[in-house]
Amino acid sequence: MNPWLHTPVLILLVMSAFFALWFRNLLYSIVSLGVFSLALSLEFYILRAPDVAIAEAAIGAALTTAIFILTLRACTPRSKDIKQGKGEGAKL
Protein backbone atom coordinates (compact mmCIF):
# COMPACT_ATOMS: atom_id res chain seq x y z
CA MET A 1 0.00 0.00 0.00
CA ASN A 2 1.21 3.42 -0.91
CA PRO A 3 1.29 5.85 2.03
CA TRP A 4 1.24 8.77 -0.41
CA LEU A 5 -2.35 7.91 -1.26
CA HIS A 6 -3.51 7.40 2.31
CA THR A 7 -2.00 10.49 3.91
CA PRO A 8 -4.06 13.19 2.11
CA VAL A 9 -7.28 11.21 2.56
CA LEU A 10 -6.62 10.68 6.26
CA ILE A 11 -5.82 14.38 6.70
CA LEU A 12 -9.11 15.22 4.96
CA LEU A 13 -10.94 12.81 7.29
CA VAL A 14 -9.49 14.45 10.39
CA MET A 15 -10.14 17.97 9.10
CA SER A 16 -13.75 17.29 8.11
CA ALA A 17 -14.44 15.61 11.47
CA PHE A 18 -12.95 18.61 13.26
CA PHE A 19 -15.03 21.06 11.23
CA ALA A 20 -18.20 19.03 11.80
CA LEU A 21 -17.73 19.64 15.52
CA TRP A 22 -16.38 23.18 15.22
CA PHE A 23 -19.06 24.80 13.04
CA ARG A 24 -21.88 26.52 14.93
CA ASN A 25 -24.18 26.39 11.89
CA LEU A 26 -25.80 22.96 11.64
CA LEU A 27 -25.99 23.03 7.86
CA TYR A 28 -22.22 23.52 7.62
CA SER A 29 -21.74 20.61 10.04
CA ILE A 30 -23.98 18.40 7.92
CA VAL A 31 -22.02 19.24 4.79
CA SER A 32 -18.80 18.54 6.65
CA LEU A 33 -20.14 15.12 7.65
CA GLY A 34 -20.97 14.47 4.00
CA VAL A 35 -17.39 15.33 3.04
CA PHE A 36 -16.19 12.99 5.80
CA SER A 37 -18.29 10.17 4.40
CA LEU A 38 -17.05 10.75 0.86
CA ALA A 39 -13.43 10.78 2.06
CA LEU A 40 -14.09 7.58 3.98
CA SER A 41 -15.50 5.93 0.87
CA LEU A 42 -12.38 7.02 -1.02
CA GLU A 43 -10.22 5.45 1.69
CA PHE A 44 -12.19 2.21 1.42
CA TYR A 45 -11.60 2.24 -2.34
CA ILE A 46 -7.87 2.79 -1.83
CA LEU A 47 -7.86 -0.16 0.59
CA ARG A 48 -9.32 -2.31 -2.23
CA ALA A 49 -12.81 -2.65 -0.82
CA PRO A 50 -14.93 -1.19 -3.65
CA ASP A 51 -18.17 -2.76 -2.46
CA VAL A 52 -17.84 -1.07 0.94
CA ALA A 53 -16.81 2.18 -0.79
CA ILE A 54 -19.93 2.18 -2.96
CA ALA A 55 -22.17 1.45 0.02
CA GLU A 56 -20.53 4.20 2.09
CA ALA A 57 -20.85 6.71 -0.74
CA ALA A 58 -24.47 5.86 -1.42
CA ILE A 59 -25.75 5.46 2.12
CA GLY A 60 -23.30 7.47 4.19
CA ALA A 61 -22.72 10.44 1.94
CA ALA A 62 -25.87 10.75 -0.14
CA LEU A 63 -28.76 9.32 1.84
CA THR A 64 -27.71 10.31 5.35
CA THR A 65 -26.77 13.84 4.30
CA ALA A 66 -30.10 14.28 2.54
CA ILE A 67 -32.01 12.99 5.58
CA PHE A 68 -30.08 15.34 7.89
CA ILE A 69 -30.78 18.34 5.65
CA LEU A 70 -34.49 17.50 5.40
CA THR A 71 -34.67 17.07 9.17
CA LEU A 72 -32.90 20.36 9.76
CA ARG A 73 -35.27 22.07 7.36
CA ALA A 74 -38.29 20.57 9.11
CA CYS A 75 -37.07 21.55 12.59
CA THR A 76 -36.00 25.10 11.77
CA PRO A 77 -38.77 27.63 12.45
CA ARG A 78 -39.63 29.84 9.51
CA SER A 79 -40.08 33.59 9.85
CA LYS A 80 -43.85 33.46 9.25
CA ASP A 81 -44.20 30.80 11.97
CA ILE A 82 -42.26 32.97 14.41
CA LYS A 83 -44.51 35.96 13.66
CA GLN A 84 -47.60 33.83 14.31
CA GLY A 85 -46.16 32.38 17.51
CA LYS A 86 -45.81 28.85 16.19
CA GLY A 87 -42.00 28.66 16.28
CA GLU A 88 -41.57 28.49 20.04
CA GLY A 89 -41.23 24.71 20.26
CA ALA A 90 -43.29 22.13 22.05
CA LYS A 91 -45.02 23.13 25.25
CA LEU A 92 -45.15 20.48 27.93
PDB file of N, CA and C in Angstrom:
ATOM      1  N   MET A   1       0.831  -1.178   0.000  1.00  0.00           N
ATOM      2  CA  MET A   1       0.000   0.000   0.000  1.00  0.00           C
ATOM      3  C   MET A   1       0.879   1.245   0.000  1.00  0.00           C
ATOM      4  N   ASN A   2       0.443   2.202  -0.757  1.00  0.00           N
ATOM      5  CA  ASN A   2       1.213   3.422  -0.914  1.00  0.00           C
ATOM      6  C   ASN A   2       0.775   4.453   0.133  1.00  0.00           C
ATOM      7  N   PRO A   3       1.690   4.856   1.013  1.00  0.00           N
ATOM      8  CA  PRO A   3       1.286   5.851   2.028  1.00  0.00           C
ATOM      9  C   PRO A   3       1.021   7.226   1.438  1.00  0.00           C
ATOM     10  N   TRP A   4       1.493   7.468   0.215  1.00  0.00           N
ATOM     11  CA  TRP A   4       1.244   8.766  -0.410  1.00  0.00           C
ATOM     12  C   TRP A   4      -0.221   8.923  -0.806  1.00  0.00           C
ATOM     13  N   LEU A   5      -0.915   7.829  -0.964  1.00  0.00           N
ATOM     14  CA  LEU A   5      -2.345   7.915  -1.260  1.00  0.00           C
ATOM     15  C   LEU A   5      -3.183   8.050   0.009  1.00  0.00           C
ATOM     16  N   HIS A   6      -2.731   7.409   1.063  1.00  0.00           N
ATOM     17  CA  HIS A   6      -3.512   7.402   2.307  1.00  0.00           C
ATOM     18  C   HIS A   6      -3.390   8.704   3.089  1.00  0.00           C
ATOM     19  N   THR A   7      -2.243   9.307   3.080  1.00  0.00           N
ATOM     20  CA  THR A   7      -2.000  10.485   3.914  1.00  0.00           C
ATOM     21  C   THR A   7      -2.950  11.650   3.609  1.00  0.00           C
ATOM     22  N   PRO A   8      -3.122  12.073   2.351  1.00  0.00           N
ATOM     23  CA  PRO A   8      -4.059  13.190   2.109  1.00  0.00           C
ATOM     24  C   PRO A   8      -5.505  12.852   2.477  1.00  0.00           C
ATOM     25  N   VAL A   9      -5.904  11.607   2.243  1.00  0.00           N
ATOM     26  CA  VAL A   9      -7.277  11.214   2.563  1.00  0.00           C
ATOM     27  C   VAL A   9      -7.478  11.202   4.075  1.00  0.00           C
ATOM     28  N   LEU A  10      -6.502  10.702   4.803  1.00  0.00           N
ATOM     29  CA  LEU A  10      -6.622  10.684   6.264  1.00  0.00           C
ATOM     30  C   LEU A  10      -6.605  12.096   6.851  1.00  0.00           C
ATOM     31  N   ILE A  11      -5.817  12.976   6.255  1.00  0.00           N
ATOM     32  CA  ILE A  11      -5.819  14.382   6.701  1.00  0.00           C
ATOM     33  C   ILE A  11      -7.187  15.007   6.435  1.00  0.00           C
ATOM     34  N   LEU A  12      -7.772  14.711   5.270  1.00  0.00           N
ATOM     35  CA  LEU A  12      -9.110  15.218   4.957  1.00  0.00           C
ATOM     36  C   LEU A  12     -10.154  14.667   5.926  1.00  0.00           C
ATOM     37  N   LEU A  13     -10.017  13.401   6.313  1.00  0.00           N
ATOM     38  CA  LEU A  13     -10.937  12.813   7.286  1.00  0.00           C
ATOM     39  C   LEU A  13     -10.865  13.536   8.628  1.00  0.00           C
ATOM     40  N   VAL A  14      -9.657  13.770   9.101  1.00  0.00           N
ATOM     41  CA  VAL A  14      -9.490  14.446  10.394  1.00  0.00           C
ATOM     42  C   VAL A  14     -10.000  15.879  10.322  1.00  0.00           C
ATOM     43  N   MET A  15      -9.695  16.578   9.226  1.00  0.00           N
ATOM     44  CA  MET A  15     -10.144  17.970   9.100  1.00  0.00           C
ATOM     45  C   MET A  15     -11.658  18.073   9.014  1.00  0.00           C
ATOM     46  N   SER A  16     -12.292  17.198   8.236  1.00  0.00           N
ATOM     47  CA  SER A  16     -13.749  17.285   8.108  1.00  0.00           C
ATOM     48  C   SER A  16     -14.438  16.889   9.412  1.00  0.00           C
ATOM     49  N   ALA A  17     -13.876  15.952  10.162  1.00  0.00           N
ATOM     50  CA  ALA A  17     -14.444  15.610  11.467  1.00  0.00           C
ATOM     51  C   ALA A  17     -14.297  16.775  12.443  1.00  0.00           C
ATOM     52  N   PHE A  18     -13.146  17.441  12.402  1.00  0.00           N
ATOM     53  CA  PHE A  18     -12.951  18.608  13.260  1.00  0.00           C
ATOM     54  C   PHE A  18     -13.949  19.709  12.921  1.00  0.00           C
ATOM     55  N   PHE A  19     -14.116  19.991  11.626  1.00  0.00           N
ATOM     56  CA  PHE A  19     -15.027  21.064  11.226  1.00  0.00           C
ATOM     57  C   PHE A  19     -16.483  20.704  11.501  1.00  0.00           C
ATOM     58  N   ALA A  20     -16.830  19.428  11.459  1.00  0.00           N
ATOM     59  CA  ALA A  20     -18.202  19.027  11.799  1.00  0.00           C
ATOM     60  C   ALA A  20     -18.516  19.375  13.246  1.00  0.00           C
ATOM     61  N   LEU A  21     -17.530  19.277  14.110  1.00  0.00           N
ATOM     62  CA  LEU A  21     -17.731  19.638  15.516  1.00  0.00           C
ATOM     63  C   LEU A  21     -17.561  21.130  15.765  1.00  0.00           C
ATOM     64  N   TRP A  22     -16.744  21.788  14.973  1.00  0.00           N
ATOM     65  CA  TRP A  22     -16.379  23.180  15.217  1.00  0.00           C
ATOM     66  C   TRP A  22     -17.429  24.176  14.729  1.00  0.00           C
ATOM     67  N   PHE A  23     -18.080  23.867  13.608  1.00  0.00           N
ATOM     68  CA  PHE A  23     -19.059  24.802  13.045  1.00  0.00           C
ATOM     69  C   PHE A  23     -20.237  24.980  13.990  1.00  0.00           C
ATOM     70  N   ARG A  24     -20.699  26.224  14.122  1.00  0.00           N
ATOM     71  CA  ARG A  24     -21.884  26.520  14.925  1.00  0.00           C
ATOM     72  C   ARG A  24     -23.159  26.365  14.094  1.00  0.00           C
ATOM     73  N   ASN A  25     -23.052  26.547  12.792  1.00  0.00           N
ATOM     74  CA  ASN A  25     -24.181  26.395  11.893  1.00  0.00           C
ATOM     75  C   ASN A  25     -24.364  24.906  11.596  1.00  0.00           C
ATOM     76  N   LEU A  26     -25.559  24.390  11.827  1.00  0.00           N
ATOM     77  CA  LEU A  26     -25.800  22.960  11.644  1.00  0.00           C
ATOM     78  C   LEU A  26     -25.713  22.521  10.189  1.00  0.00           C
ATOM     79  N   LEU A  27     -26.078  23.389   9.271  1.00  0.00           N
ATOM     80  CA  LEU A  27     -25.992  23.035   7.859  1.00  0.00           C
ATOM     81  C   LEU A  27     -24.537  22.825   7.448  1.00  0.00           C
ATOM     82  N   TYR A  28     -23.649  23.687   7.921  1.00  0.00           N
ATOM     83  CA  TYR A  28     -22.221  23.516   7.623  1.00  0.00           C
ATOM     84  C   TYR A  28     -21.688  22.217   8.228  1.00  0.00           C
ATOM     85  N   SER A  29     -22.161  21.870   9.408  1.00  0.00           N
ATOM     86  CA  SER A  29     -21.743  20.614  10.036  1.00  0.00           C
ATOM     87  C   SER A  29     -22.238  19.409   9.246  1.00  0.00           C
ATOM     88  N   ILE A  30     -23.437  19.492   8.720  1.00  0.00           N
ATOM     89  CA  ILE A  30     -23.977  18.396   7.920  1.00  0.00           C
ATOM     90  C   ILE A  30     -23.174  18.222   6.638  1.00  0.00           C
ATOM     91  N   VAL A  31     -22.837  19.326   6.001  1.00  0.00           N
ATOM     92  CA  VAL A  31     -22.025  19.244   4.787  1.00  0.00           C
ATOM     93  C   VAL A  31     -20.647  18.679   5.108  1.00  0.00           C
ATOM     94  N   SER A  32     -20.087  19.071   6.239  1.00  0.00           N
ATOM     95  CA  SER A  32     -18.797  18.536   6.651  1.00  0.00           C
ATOM     96  C   SER A  32     -18.862  17.036   6.908  1.00  0.00           C
ATOM     97  N   LEU A  33     -19.959  16.557   7.473  1.00  0.00           N
ATOM     98  CA  LEU A  33     -20.135  15.118   7.648  1.00  0.00           C
ATOM     99  C   LEU A  33     -20.277  14.397   6.309  1.00  0.00           C
ATOM    100  N   GLY A  34     -20.894  15.041   5.342  1.00  0.00           N
ATOM    101  CA  GLY A  34     -20.971  14.466   3.998  1.00  0.00           C
ATOM    102  C   GLY A  34     -19.602  14.352   3.350  1.00  0.00           C
ATOM    103  N   VAL A  35     -18.771  15.376   3.546  1.00  0.00           N
ATOM    104  CA  VAL A  35     -17.394  15.327   3.045  1.00  0.00           C
ATOM    105  C   VAL A  35     -16.619  14.217   3.744  1.00  0.00           C
ATOM    106  N   PHE A  36     -16.845  14.068   5.053  1.00  0.00           N
ATOM    107  CA  PHE A  36     -16.193  12.994   5.801  1.00  0.00           C
ATOM    108  C   PHE A  36     -16.565  11.632   5.224  1.00  0.00           C
ATOM    109  N   SER A  37     -17.837  11.450   4.924  1.00  0.00           N
ATOM    110  CA  SER A  37     -18.289  10.168   4.400  1.00  0.00           C
ATOM    111  C   SER A  37     -17.726   9.904   3.002  1.00  0.00           C
ATOM    112  N   LEU A  38     -17.645  10.933   2.183  1.00  0.00           N
ATOM    113  CA  LEU A  38     -17.047  10.754   0.859  1.00  0.00           C
ATOM    114  C   LEU A  38     -15.562  10.424   0.960  1.00  0.00           C
ATOM    115  N   ALA A  39     -14.852  11.085   1.868  1.00  0.00           N
ATOM    116  CA  ALA A  39     -13.433  10.783   2.059  1.00  0.00           C
ATOM    117  C   ALA A  39     -13.253   9.366   2.594  1.00  0.00           C
ATOM    118  N   LEU A  40     -14.159   8.939   3.457  1.00  0.00           N
ATOM    119  CA  LEU A  40     -14.089   7.580   3.979  1.00  0.00           C
ATOM    120  C   LEU A  40     -14.344   6.551   2.874  1.00  0.00           C
ATOM    121  N   SER A  41     -15.260   6.847   1.979  1.00  0.00           N
ATOM    122  CA  SER A  41     -15.496   5.928   0.869  1.00  0.00           C
ATOM    123  C   SER A  41     -14.285   5.884  -0.066  1.00  0.00           C
ATOM    124  N   LEU A  42     -13.609   7.009  -0.234  1.00  0.00           N
ATOM    125  CA  LEU A  42     -12.377   7.021  -1.023  1.00  0.00           C
ATOM    126  C   LEU A  42     -11.291   6.179  -0.353  1.00  0.00           C
ATOM    127  N   GLU A  43     -11.198   6.262   0.955  1.00  0.00           N
ATOM    128  CA  GLU A  43     -10.223   5.451   1.691  1.00  0.00           C
ATOM    129  C   GLU A  43     -10.545   3.960   1.565  1.00  0.00           C
ATOM    130  N   PHE A  44     -11.806   3.608   1.624  1.00  0.00           N
ATOM    131  CA  PHE A  44     -12.187   2.207   1.420  1.00  0.00           C
ATOM    132  C   PHE A  44     -11.801   1.739   0.018  1.00  0.00           C
ATOM    133  N   TYR A  45     -11.966   2.610  -0.974  1.00  0.00           N
ATOM    134  CA  TYR A  45     -11.598   2.242  -2.335  1.00  0.00           C
ATOM    135  C   TYR A  45     -10.088   2.057  -2.462  1.00  0.00           C
ATOM    136  N   ILE A  46      -9.328   2.922  -1.819  1.00  0.00           N
ATOM    137  CA  ILE A  46      -7.867   2.787  -1.834  1.00  0.00           C
ATOM    138  C   ILE A  46      -7.438   1.491  -1.153  1.00  0.00           C
ATOM    139  N   LEU A  47      -8.166   1.083  -0.125  1.00  0.00           N
ATOM    140  CA  LEU A  47      -7.860  -0.158   0.587  1.00  0.00           C
ATOM    141  C   LEU A  47      -8.401  -1.398  -0.131  1.00  0.00           C
ATOM    142  N   ARG A  48      -8.835  -1.228  -1.369  1.00  0.00           N
ATOM    143  CA  ARG A  48      -9.316  -2.311  -2.230  1.00  0.00           C
ATOM    144  C   ARG A  48     -10.580  -2.987  -1.688  1.00  0.00           C
ATOM    145  N   ALA A  49     -11.500  -2.163  -1.228  1.00  0.00           N
ATOM    146  CA  ALA A  49     -12.815  -2.650  -0.821  1.00  0.00           C
ATOM    147  C   ALA A  49     -13.880  -1.834  -1.557  1.00  0.00           C
ATOM    148  N   PRO A  50     -14.013  -2.047  -2.876  1.00  0.00           N
ATOM    149  CA  PRO A  50     -14.925  -1.189  -3.647  1.00  0.00           C
ATOM    150  C   PRO A  50     -16.393  -1.371  -3.287  1.00  0.00           C
ATOM    151  N   ASP A  51     -16.776  -2.563  -2.836  1.00  0.00           N
ATOM    152  CA  ASP A  51     -18.172  -2.756  -2.456  1.00  0.00           C
ATOM    153  C   ASP A  51     -18.533  -1.938  -1.222  1.00  0.00           C
ATOM    154  N   VAL A  52     -17.622  -1.890  -0.267  1.00  0.00           N
ATOM    155  CA  VAL A  52     -17.843  -1.067   0.936  1.00  0.00           C
ATOM    156  C   VAL A  52     -17.801   0.410   0.575  1.00  0.00           C
ATOM    157  N   ALA A  53     -16.920   0.777  -0.366  1.00  0.00           N
ATOM    158  CA  ALA A  53     -16.815   2.178  -0.789  1.00  0.00           C
ATOM    159  C   ALA A  53     -18.103   2.652  -1.453  1.00  0.00           C
ATOM    160  N   ILE A  54     -18.682   1.807  -2.291  1.00  0.00           N
ATOM    161  CA  ILE A  54     -19.931   2.185  -2.959  1.00  0.00           C
ATOM    162  C   ILE A  54     -21.064   2.306  -1.942  1.00  0.00           C
ATOM    163  N   ALA A  55     -21.126   1.382  -1.004  1.00  0.00           N
ATOM    164  CA  ALA A  55     -22.171   1.450   0.022  1.00  0.00           C
ATOM    165  C   ALA A  55     -22.007   2.684   0.894  1.00  0.00           C
ATOM    166  N   GLU A  56     -20.777   3.015   1.264  1.00  0.00           N
ATOM    167  CA  GLU A  56     -20.527   4.203   2.089  1.00  0.00           C
ATOM    168  C   GLU A  56     -20.874   5.474   1.323  1.00  0.00           C
ATOM    169  N   ALA A  57     -20.536   5.517   0.055  1.00  0.00           N
ATOM    170  CA  ALA A  57     -20.850   6.714  -0.736  1.00  0.00           C
ATOM    171  C   ALA A  57     -22.347   6.872  -0.922  1.00  0.00           C
ATOM    172  N   ALA A  58     -23.031   5.770  -1.169  1.00  0.00           N
ATOM    173  CA  ALA A  58     -24.474   5.856  -1.420  1.00  0.00           C
ATOM    174  C   ALA A  58     -25.258   6.115  -0.154  1.00  0.00           C
ATOM    175  N   ILE A  59     -24.975   5.342   0.887  1.00  0.00           N
ATOM    176  CA  ILE A  59     -25.754   5.460   2.123  1.00  0.00           C
ATOM    177  C   ILE A  59     -25.202   6.564   3.010  1.00  0.00           C
ATOM    178  N   GLY A  60     -23.908   6.514   3.260  1.00  0.00           N
ATOM    179  CA  GLY A  60     -23.303   7.465   4.193  1.00  0.00           C
ATOM    180  C   GLY A  60     -23.292   8.891   3.686  1.00  0.00           C
ATOM    181  N   ALA A  61     -22.845   9.078   2.454  1.00  0.00           N
ATOM    182  CA  ALA A  61     -22.723  10.439   1.939  1.00  0.00           C
ATOM    183  C   ALA A  61     -24.043  10.972   1.404  1.00  0.00           C
ATOM    184  N   ALA A  62     -24.686  10.222   0.542  1.00  0.00           N
ATOM    185  CA  ALA A  62     -25.872  10.745  -0.136  1.00  0.00           C
ATOM    186  C   ALA A  62     -27.123  10.681   0.721  1.00  0.00           C
ATOM    187  N   LEU A  63     -27.483   9.500   1.147  1.00  0.00           N
ATOM    188  CA  LEU A  63     -28.763   9.321   1.838  1.00  0.00           C
ATOM    189  C   LEU A  63     -28.778   9.974   3.220  1.00  0.00           C
ATOM    190  N   THR A  64     -27.745   9.747   4.000  1.00  0.00           N
ATOM    191  CA  THR A  64     -27.710  10.310   5.349  1.00  0.00           C
ATOM    192  C   THR A  64     -27.641  11.832   5.322  1.00  0.00           C
ATOM    193  N   THR A  65     -26.848  12.381   4.405  1.00  0.00           N
ATOM    194  CA  THR A  65     -26.770  13.838   4.297  1.00  0.00           C
ATOM    195  C   THR A  65     -28.111  14.427   3.892  1.00  0.00           C
ATOM    196  N   ALA A  66     -28.789  13.787   2.957  1.00  0.00           N
ATOM    197  CA  ALA A  66     -30.105  14.278   2.535  1.00  0.00           C
ATOM    198  C   ALA A  66     -31.116  14.204   3.680  1.00  0.00           C
ATOM    199  N   ILE A  67     -31.090  13.117   4.441  1.00  0.00           N
ATOM    200  CA  ILE A  67     -32.014  12.992   5.576  1.00  0.00           C
ATOM    201  C   ILE A  67     -31.715  14.048   6.632  1.00  0.00           C
ATOM    202  N   PHE A  68     -30.438  14.299   6.913  1.00  0.00           N
ATOM    203  CA  PHE A  68     -30.077  15.337   7.892  1.00  0.00           C
ATOM    204  C   PHE A  68     -30.540  16.716   7.434  1.00  0.00           C
ATOM    205  N   ILE A  69     -30.370  17.022   6.156  1.00  0.00           N
ATOM    206  CA  ILE A  69     -30.779  18.337   5.650  1.00  0.00           C
ATOM    207  C   ILE A  69     -32.297  18.481   5.694  1.00  0.00           C
ATOM    208  N   LEU A  70     -33.019  17.438   5.318  1.00  0.00           N
ATOM    209  CA  LEU A  70     -34.488  17.497   5.395  1.00  0.00           C
ATOM    210  C   LEU A  70     -34.969  17.638   6.836  1.00  0.00           C
ATOM    211  N   THR A  71     -34.308  16.947   7.754  1.00  0.00           N
ATOM    212  CA  THR A  71     -34.673  17.065   9.167  1.00  0.00           C
ATOM    213  C   THR A  71     -34.378  18.453   9.696  1.00  0.00           C
ATOM    214  N   LEU A  72     -33.244  19.000   9.331  1.00  0.00           N
ATOM    215  CA  LEU A  72     -32.903  20.360   9.758  1.00  0.00           C
ATOM    216  C   LEU A  72     -33.895  21.364   9.200  1.00  0.00           C
ATOM    217  N   ARG A  73     -34.289  21.166   7.964  1.00  0.00           N
ATOM    218  CA  ARG A  73     -35.268  22.074   7.355  1.00  0.00           C
ATOM    219  C   ARG A  73     -36.626  21.969   8.051  1.00  0.00           C
ATOM    220  N   ALA A  74     -36.996  20.760   8.451  1.00  0.00           N
ATOM    221  CA  ALA A  74     -38.289  20.573   9.111  1.00  0.00           C
ATOM    222  C   ALA A  74     -38.281  21.118  10.535  1.00  0.00           C
ATOM    223  N   CYS A  75     -37.149  21.111  11.187  1.00  0.00           N
ATOM    224  CA  CYS A  75     -37.065  21.552  12.586  1.00  0.00           C
ATOM    225  C   CYS A  75     -36.798  23.042  12.737  1.00  0.00           C
ATOM    226  N   THR A  76     -36.318  23.678  11.698  1.00  0.00           N
ATOM    227  CA  THR A  76     -35.999  25.096  11.774  1.00  0.00           C
ATOM    228  C   THR A  76     -37.269  25.919  11.621  1.00  0.00           C
ATOM    229  N   PRO A  77     -37.567  26.805  12.577  1.00  0.00           N
ATOM    230  CA  PRO A  77     -38.775  27.634  12.449  1.00  0.00           C
ATOM    231  C   PRO A  77     -38.610  28.665  11.333  1.00  0.00           C
ATOM    232  N   ARG A  78     -39.650  28.848  10.581  1.00  0.00           N
ATOM    233  CA  ARG A  78     -39.628  29.836   9.509  1.00  0.00           C
ATOM    234  C   ARG A  78     -40.085  31.181  10.065  1.00  0.00           C
ATOM    235  N   SER A  79     -39.785  32.250   9.346  1.00  0.00           N
ATOM    236  CA  SER A  79     -40.083  33.587   9.852  1.00  0.00           C
ATOM    237  C   SER A  79     -41.583  33.815  10.010  1.00  0.00           C
ATOM    238  N   LYS A  80     -42.406  33.265   9.113  1.00  0.00           N
ATOM    239  CA  LYS A  80     -43.855  33.462   9.247  1.00  0.00           C
ATOM    240  C   LYS A  80     -44.396  32.696  10.455  1.00  0.00           C
ATOM    241  N   ASP A  81     -43.784  31.541  10.792  1.00  0.00           N
ATOM    242  CA  ASP A  81     -44.197  30.801  11.973  1.00  0.00           C
ATOM    243  C   ASP A  81     -43.825  31.544  13.249  1.00  0.00           C
ATOM    244  N   ILE A  82     -42.688  32.207  13.234  1.00  0.00           N
ATOM    245  CA  ILE A  82     -42.261  32.970  14.414  1.00  0.00           C
ATOM    246  C   ILE A  82     -43.196  34.159  14.633  1.00  0.00           C
ATOM    247  N   LYS A  83     -43.603  34.818  13.541  1.00  0.00           N
ATOM    248  CA  LYS A  83     -44.506  35.959  13.660  1.00  0.00           C
ATOM    249  C   LYS A  83     -45.864  35.544  14.196  1.00  0.00           C
ATOM    250  N   GLN A  84     -46.295  34.318  13.852  1.00  0.00           N
ATOM    251  CA  GLN A  84     -47.599  33.835  14.310  1.00  0.00           C
ATOM    252  C   GLN A  84     -47.513  33.151  15.661  1.00  0.00           C
ATOM    253  N   GLY A  85     -46.312  33.004  16.215  1.00  0.00           N
ATOM    254  CA  GLY A  85     -46.159  32.383  17.509  1.00  0.00           C
ATOM    255  C   GLY A  85     -46.087  30.870  17.473  1.00  0.00           C
ATOM    256  N   LYS A  86     -45.865  30.306  16.302  1.00  0.00           N
ATOM    257  CA  LYS A  86     -45.806  28.847  16.193  1.00  0.00           C
ATOM    258  C   LYS A  86     -44.392  28.301  16.313  1.00  0.00           C
ATOM    259  N   GLY A  87     -43.380  29.133  16.296  1.00  0.00           N
ATOM    260  CA  GLY A  87     -42.003  28.657  16.283  1.00  0.00           C
ATOM    261  C   GLY A  87     -41.362  28.584  17.630  1.00  0.00           C
ATOM    262  N   GLU A  88     -42.127  28.487  18.680  1.00  0.00           N
ATOM    263  CA  GLU A  88     -41.574  28.488  20.036  1.00  0.00           C
ATOM    264  C   GLU A  88     -41.177  27.100  20.518  1.00  0.00           C
ATOM    265  N   GLY A  89     -41.548  26.075  19.836  1.00  0.00           N
ATOM    266  CA  GLY A  89     -41.230  24.715  20.263  1.00  0.00           C
ATOM    267  C   GLY A  89     -42.413  24.088  20.981  1.00  0.00           C
ATOM    268  N   ALA A  90     -42.213  22.874  21.386  1.00  0.00           N
ATOM    269  CA  ALA A  90     -43.292  22.127  22.049  1.00  0.00           C
ATOM    270  C   ALA A  90     -43.471  22.609  23.482  1.00  0.00           C
ATOM    271  N   LYS A  91     -44.710  22.728  23.877  1.00  0.00           N
ATOM    272  CA  LYS A  91     -45.017  23.131  25.252  1.00  0.00           C
ATOM    273  C   LYS A  91     -45.453  21.897  26.016  1.00  0.00           C
ATOM    274  N   LEU A  92     -44.830  21.658  27.132  1.00  0.00           N
ATOM    275  CA  LEU A  92     -45.149  20.476  27.929  1.00  0.00           C
ATOM    276  C   LEU A  92     -46.189  20.776  28.967  1.00  0.00           C
TER     277      LEU A  92
END
